[in-house]
C-alpha atoms as a PDB file:
ATOM      1  CA  MET A   1     161.166 126.792 129.224  1.00  0.00           C
ATOM      2  CA  GLU A   2     162.582 130.316 128.944  1.00  0.00           C
ATOM      3  CA  LYS A   3     161.309 132.225 125.926  1.00  0.00           C
ATOM      4  CA  ALA A   4     162.844 135.698 126.350  1.00  0.00           C
ATOM      5  CA  ASP A   5     164.918 137.755 128.754  1.00  0.00           C
ATOM      6  CA  ILE A   6     163.034 140.981 129.535  1.00  0.00           C
ATOM      7  CA  LEU A   7     164.962 142.895 132.209  1.00  0.00           C
ATOM      8  CA  ASP A   8     168.510 142.529 133.496  1.00  0.00           C
ATOM      9  CA  GLU A   9     169.944 143.885 136.754  1.00  0.00           C
ATOM     10  CA  GLN A  10     170.519 147.391 135.354  1.00  0.00           C
ATOM     11  CA  ALA A  11     167.042 147.624 133.833  1.00  0.00           C
ATOM     12  CA  ILE A  12     165.460 146.571 137.135  1.00  0.00           C
ATOM     13  CA  ALA A  13     167.513 149.201 138.987  1.00  0.00           C
ATOM     14  CA  ARG A  14     166.430 151.892 136.487  1.00  0.00           C
ATOM     15  CA  ALA A  15     162.778 150.872 136.834  1.00  0.00           C
ATOM     16  CA  ILE A  16     162.998 151.053 140.634  1.00  0.00           C
ATOM     17  CA  THR A  17     164.630 154.492 140.442  1.00  0.00           C
ATOM     18  CA  ARG A  18     161.895 155.759 138.114  1.00  0.00           C
ATOM     19  CA  ILE A  19     159.110 154.340 140.326  1.00  0.00           C
ATOM     20  CA  ALA A  20     160.715 155.942 143.402  1.00  0.00           C
ATOM     21  CA  HIS A  21     160.685 159.365 141.708  1.00  0.00           C
ATOM     22  CA  GLU A  22     157.069 158.864 140.590  1.00  0.00           C
ATOM     23  CA  ILE A  23     155.950 157.933 144.127  1.00  0.00           C
ATOM     24  CA  ILE A  24     157.596 161.059 145.545  1.00  0.00           C
ATOM     25  CA  GLU A  25     156.123 163.269 142.833  1.00  0.00           C
ATOM     26  CA  ARG A  26     152.571 161.881 143.006  1.00  0.00           C
ATOM     27  CA  ASN A  27     152.481 162.147 146.808  1.00  0.00           C
ATOM     28  CA  LYS A  28     154.239 165.540 146.951  1.00  0.00           C
ATOM     29  CA  GLY A  29     156.975 164.046 149.137  1.00  0.00           C
ATOM     30  CA  ILE A  30     156.828 161.087 151.479  1.00  0.00           C
ATOM     31  CA  ASP A  31     155.041 162.516 154.509  1.00  0.00           C
ATOM     32  CA  ASP A  32     152.319 160.104 155.647  1.00  0.00           C
ATOM     33  CA  CYS A  33     153.418 157.507 153.047  1.00  0.00           C
ATOM     34  CA  VAL A  34     154.007 153.834 153.846  1.00  0.00           C
ATOM     35  CA  LEU A  35     155.502 151.326 151.388  1.00  0.00           C
ATOM     36  CA  VAL A  36     153.980 147.874 151.961  1.00  0.00           C
ATOM     37  CA  GLY A  37     155.647 145.020 150.098  1.00  0.00           C
ATOM     38  CA  ILE A  38     153.609 141.916 149.276  1.00  0.00           C
ATOM     39  CA  LYS A  39     155.692 138.899 150.236  1.00  0.00           C
ATOM     40  CA  THR A  40     157.963 137.630 148.859  1.00  0.00           C
ATOM     41  CA  ARG A  41     159.459 139.527 145.924  1.00  0.00           C
ATOM     42  CA  GLY A  42     157.232 142.563 146.409  1.00  0.00           C
ATOM     43  CA  ALA A  43     158.810 142.978 149.838  1.00  0.00           C
ATOM     44  CA  PHE A  44     162.283 142.975 148.281  1.00  0.00           C
ATOM     45  CA  ILE A  45     161.227 145.582 145.723  1.00  0.00           C
ATOM     46  CA  ALA A  46     159.642 147.722 148.479  1.00  0.00           C
ATOM     47  CA  LYS A  47     162.908 147.623 150.430  1.00  0.00           C
ATOM     48  CA  ARG A  48     164.866 148.776 147.377  1.00  0.00           C
ATOM     49  CA  LEU A  49     162.311 151.522 146.713  1.00  0.00           C
ATOM     50  CA  ALA A  50     162.632 152.680 150.332  1.00  0.00           C
ATOM     51  CA  GLU A  51     166.431 152.867 150.009  1.00  0.00           C
ATOM     52  CA  LYS A  52     166.155 154.849 146.765  1.00  0.00           C
ATOM     53  CA  ILE A  53     163.508 157.201 148.203  1.00  0.00           C
ATOM     54  CA  GLU A  54     165.656 157.830 151.295  1.00  0.00           C
ATOM     55  CA  LYS A  55     168.605 158.799 149.044  1.00  0.00           C
ATOM     56  CA  ILE A  56     166.395 161.175 147.064  1.00  0.00           C
ATOM     57  CA  GLU A  57     164.457 162.730 149.975  1.00  0.00           C
ATOM     58  CA  GLY A  58     167.162 162.589 152.631  1.00  0.00           C
ATOM     59  CA  LYS A  59     164.851 160.895 155.137  1.00  0.00           C
ATOM     60  CA  PRO A  60     163.444 157.395 155.525  1.00  0.00           C
ATOM     61  CA  ILE A  61     159.999 156.324 154.360  1.00  0.00           C
ATOM     62  CA  LEU A  62     157.892 154.003 156.523  1.00  0.00           C
ATOM     63  CA  THR A  63     157.830 150.407 155.271  1.00  0.00           C
ATOM     64  CA  GLY A  64     156.182 147.088 156.020  1.00  0.00           C
ATOM     65  CA  GLU A  65     155.641 143.613 154.616  1.00  0.00           C
ATOM     66  CA  LEU A  66     152.379 141.808 154.099  1.00  0.00           C
ATOM     67  CA  ASP A  67     151.529 138.142 153.641  1.00  0.00           C
ATOM     68  CA  ILE A  68     148.162 137.887 151.907  1.00  0.00           C
ATOM     69  CA  THR A  69     147.837 134.075 151.977  1.00  0.00           C
ATOM     70  CA  LEU A  70     144.693 133.939 154.129  1.00  0.00           C
ATOM     71  CA  TYR A  71     143.039 136.656 152.054  1.00  0.00           C
ATOM     72  CA  ARG A  72     143.386 134.879 148.714  1.00  0.00           C
ATOM     73  CA  ASP A  73     140.304 133.533 146.954  1.00  0.00           C
ATOM     74  CA  ASP A  74     142.421 131.037 144.999  1.00  0.00           C
ATOM     75  CA  LEU A  75     144.519 129.613 147.833  1.00  0.00           C
ATOM     76  CA  SER A  76     146.733 126.861 146.496  1.00  0.00           C
ATOM     77  CA  VAL A  77     149.933 127.068 148.567  1.00  0.00           C
ATOM     78  CA  LYS A  78     149.524 124.789 151.544  1.00  0.00           C
ATOM     79  CA  ASN A  79     151.806 123.082 154.002  1.00  0.00           C
ATOM     80  CA  LYS A  80     151.971 119.316 154.519  1.00  0.00           C
ATOM     81  CA  ASN A  81     148.930 119.452 156.849  1.00  0.00           C
ATOM     82  CA  LYS A  82     146.853 120.940 153.984  1.00  0.00           C
ATOM     83  CA  GLU A  83     146.540 124.234 155.852  1.00  0.00           C
ATOM     84  CA  PRO A  84     147.473 127.628 154.386  1.00  0.00           C
ATOM     85  CA  LEU A  85     151.152 128.474 154.620  1.00  0.00           C
ATOM     86  CA  VAL A  86     151.132 131.789 156.466  1.00  0.00           C
ATOM     87  CA  GLN A  87     154.125 134.089 156.744  1.00  0.00           C
ATOM     88  CA  GLN A  88     154.502 136.842 159.290  1.00  0.00           C
ATOM     89  CA  VAL A  89     153.020 140.276 158.709  1.00  0.00           C
ATOM     90  CA  ASP A  90     155.610 142.924 159.496  1.00  0.00           C
ATOM     91  CA  ILE A  91     153.802 146.250 159.675  1.00  0.00           C
ATOM     92  CA  THR A  92     154.490 148.146 162.875  1.00  0.00           C
ATOM     93  CA  HIS A  93     152.947 151.446 161.750  1.00  0.00           C
ATOM     94  CA  ASP A  94     149.338 152.518 162.045  1.00  0.00           C
ATOM     95  CA  LEU A  95     148.010 152.693 158.485  1.00  0.00           C
ATOM     96  CA  SER A  96     145.035 154.889 159.367  1.00  0.00           C
ATOM     97  CA  ASN A  97     144.995 158.088 157.286  1.00  0.00           C
ATOM     98  CA  LYS A  98     148.293 157.129 155.588  1.00  0.00           C
ATOM     99  CA  LYS A  99     149.044 156.960 151.872  1.00  0.00           C
ATOM    100  CA  VAL A 100     149.768 153.251 151.474  1.00  0.00           C
ATOM    101  CA  VAL A 101     151.737 152.160 148.420  1.00  0.00           C
ATOM    102  CA  LEU A 102     151.360 148.410 147.893  1.00  0.00           C
ATOM    103  CA  VAL A 103     154.388 146.957 146.095  1.00  0.00           C
ATOM    104  CA  ASP A 104     154.452 143.692 144.144  1.00  0.00           C
ATOM    105  CA  ASP A 105     156.597 142.104 141.464  1.00  0.00           C
ATOM    106  CA  VAL A 106     153.997 141.182 138.819  1.00  0.00           C
ATOM    107  CA  LEU A 107     150.442 142.405 138.255  1.00  0.00           C
ATOM    108  CA  TYR A 108     148.416 139.754 136.445  1.00  0.00           C
ATOM    109  CA  THR A 109     144.767 138.988 137.299  1.00  0.00           C
ATOM    110  CA  GLY A 110     144.535 141.494 140.149  1.00  0.00           C
ATOM    111  CA  ARG A 111     143.572 138.866 142.735  1.00  0.00           C
ATOM    112  CA  THR A 112     146.761 139.261 144.776  1.00  0.00           C
ATOM    113  CA  VAL A 113     146.253 143.027 144.936  1.00  0.00           C
ATOM    114  CA  ARG A 114     142.612 142.600 145.968  1.00  0.00           C
ATOM    115  CA  ALA A 115     143.711 140.282 148.772  1.00  0.00           C
ATOM    116  CA  ALA A 116     146.415 142.764 149.819  1.00  0.00           C
ATOM    117  CA  MET A 117     143.887 145.608 149.951  1.00  0.00           C
ATOM    118  CA  ASP A 118     141.647 143.485 152.195  1.00  0.00           C
ATOM    119  CA  ALA A 119     144.602 142.792 154.495  1.00  0.00           C
ATOM    120  CA  VAL A 120     145.550 146.490 154.619  1.00  0.00           C
ATOM    121  CA  MET A 121     141.980 147.483 155.473  1.00  0.00           C
ATOM    122  CA  ASP A 122     142.059 145.026 158.394  1.00  0.00           C
ATOM    123  CA  LEU A 123     145.100 146.909 159.738  1.00  0.00           C
ATOM    124  CA  GLY A 124     143.585 150.393 159.503  1.00  0.00           C
ATOM    125  CA  ARG A 125     141.780 152.753 157.172  1.00  0.00           C
ATOM    126  CA  PRO A 126     144.334 154.436 154.910  1.00  0.00           C
ATOM    127  CA  ALA A 127     143.684 157.775 153.210  1.00  0.00           C
ATOM    128  CA  HIS A 128     144.744 156.256 149.852  1.00  0.00           C
ATOM    129  CA  ILE A 129     145.996 152.939 148.529  1.00  0.00           C
ATOM    130  CA  GLN A 130     148.284 153.071 145.510  1.00  0.00           C
ATOM    131  CA  LEU A 131     149.933 150.207 143.646  1.00  0.00           C
ATOM    132  CA  ALA A 132     153.518 149.921 142.395  1.00  0.00           C
ATOM    133  CA  VAL A 133     154.579 146.893 140.357  1.00  0.00           C
ATOM    134  CA  LEU A 134     157.772 145.967 138.577  1.00  0.00           C
ATOM    135  CA  ILE A 135     155.872 144.211 135.751  1.00  0.00           C
ATOM    136  CA  ASP A 136     152.311 144.617 134.451  1.00  0.00           C
ATOM    137  CA  ARG A 137     151.521 141.694 132.167  1.00  0.00           C
ATOM    138  CA  GLY A 138     147.818 142.334 131.541  1.00  0.00           C
ATOM    139  CA  HIS A 139     145.001 139.738 131.690  1.00  0.00           C
ATOM    140  CA  ARG A 140     143.092 141.418 134.522  1.00  0.00           C
ATOM    141  CA  GLU A 141     140.124 139.580 136.044  1.00  0.00           C
ATOM    142  CA  LEU A 142     139.344 142.427 138.445  1.00  0.00           C
ATOM    143  CA  PRO A 143     139.146 146.198 137.822  1.00  0.00           C
ATOM    144  CA  ILE A 144     142.592 146.938 139.247  1.00  0.00           C
ATOM    145  CA  ARG A 145     145.396 148.959 137.670  1.00  0.00           C
ATOM    146  CA  ALA A 146     148.846 149.948 138.846  1.00  0.00           C
ATOM    147  CA  ASP A 147     149.687 153.571 139.636  1.00  0.00           C
ATOM    148  CA  PHE A 148     153.419 152.953 139.126  1.00  0.00           C
ATOM    149  CA  VAL A 149     154.754 150.395 136.614  1.00  0.00           C
ATOM    150  CA  GLY A 150     158.357 149.429 135.911  1.00  0.00           C
ATOM    151  CA  LYS A 151     157.534 147.793 132.566  1.00  0.00           C
ATOM    152  CA  ASN A 152     154.414 146.691 130.707  1.00  0.00           C
ATOM    153  CA  ILE A 153     154.924 143.265 129.151  1.00  0.00           C
ATOM    154  CA  PRO A 154     151.983 141.973 127.103  1.00  0.00           C
ATOM    155  CA  THR A 155     151.834 138.194 127.408  1.00  0.00           C
ATOM    156  CA  SER A 156     149.610 135.320 126.404  1.00  0.00           C
ATOM    157  CA  SER A 157     147.793 133.446 129.151  1.00  0.00           C
ATOM    158  CA  GLU A 158     150.030 130.415 128.470  1.00  0.00           C
ATOM    159  CA  GLU A 159     153.182 132.384 129.269  1.00  0.00           C
ATOM    160  CA  ARG A 160     154.611 133.073 132.718  1.00  0.00           C
ATOM    161  CA  ILE A 161     156.660 136.009 133.918  1.00  0.00           C
ATOM    162  CA  VAL A 162     159.519 134.883 136.152  1.00  0.00           C
ATOM    163  CA  VAL A 163     161.040 137.564 138.381  1.00  0.00           C
ATOM    164  CA  GLN A 164     164.313 136.731 140.097  1.00  0.00           C
ATOM    165  CA  MET A 165     165.716 138.906 142.884  1.00  0.00           C
ATOM    166  CA  LYS A 166     169.181 138.706 144.423  1.00  0.00           C
ATOM    167  CA  GLU A 167     167.698 138.362 147.890  1.00  0.00           C
ATOM    168  CA  SER A 168     165.954 135.069 147.099  1.00  0.00           C
ATOM    169  CA  ASP A 169     167.321 133.849 143.774  1.00  0.00           C
ATOM    170  CA  GLY A 170     170.913 135.073 143.670  1.00  0.00           C
ATOM    171  CA  SER A 171     170.459 137.383 140.672  1.00  0.00           C
ATOM    172  CA  ASP A 172     168.185 140.116 139.354  1.00  0.00           C
ATOM    173  CA  ARG A 173     166.325 139.402 136.125  1.00  0.00           C
ATOM    174  CA  VAL A 174     162.892 139.096 134.557  1.00  0.00           C
ATOM    175  CA  ALA A 175     162.107 136.558 131.852  1.00  0.00           C
ATOM    176  CA  ILE A 176     159.123 135.152 129.979  1.00  0.00           C
ATOM    177  CA  HIS A 177     158.690 131.388 130.204  1.00  0.00           C
ATOM    178  CA  GLU A 178     156.390 129.140 128.184  1.00  0.00           C
END
């Protein structure tokens, strides 16, 4: 059941614009940077960040998508054969010595990010790994924090943050559900 609307389409767009500027500023441009979106909604956010960064910088930033299913320690999504549901990894760039910016929709326990870092390390040894999230809701179980945050939303452990993106859900919005 929906408890509160947090971000609408305009607020999401503003957050993405702000994060794009922060990524450029922190990295002193986009040379040697790669945006890696964590499937599914993190990949959509990474694509929007890449478009915004290209408008600001006048040149494209390298991007990729990552499915961290096999790296999770709490694997629960399985197909009908009870095997992990694995999506394709779409990273065609060498990540060695690059500044990798992982992008996800919601930062909660930190387990997804830990799994994503393991997956990135299997693809190369980056110079840095940074984290950009649309929503940070707290309740960390691992010592992980985001470098770039669209909005901090303190929640109880009984609440859920629901992020909807046009690409998969038909509209852009973030809400708290009970």
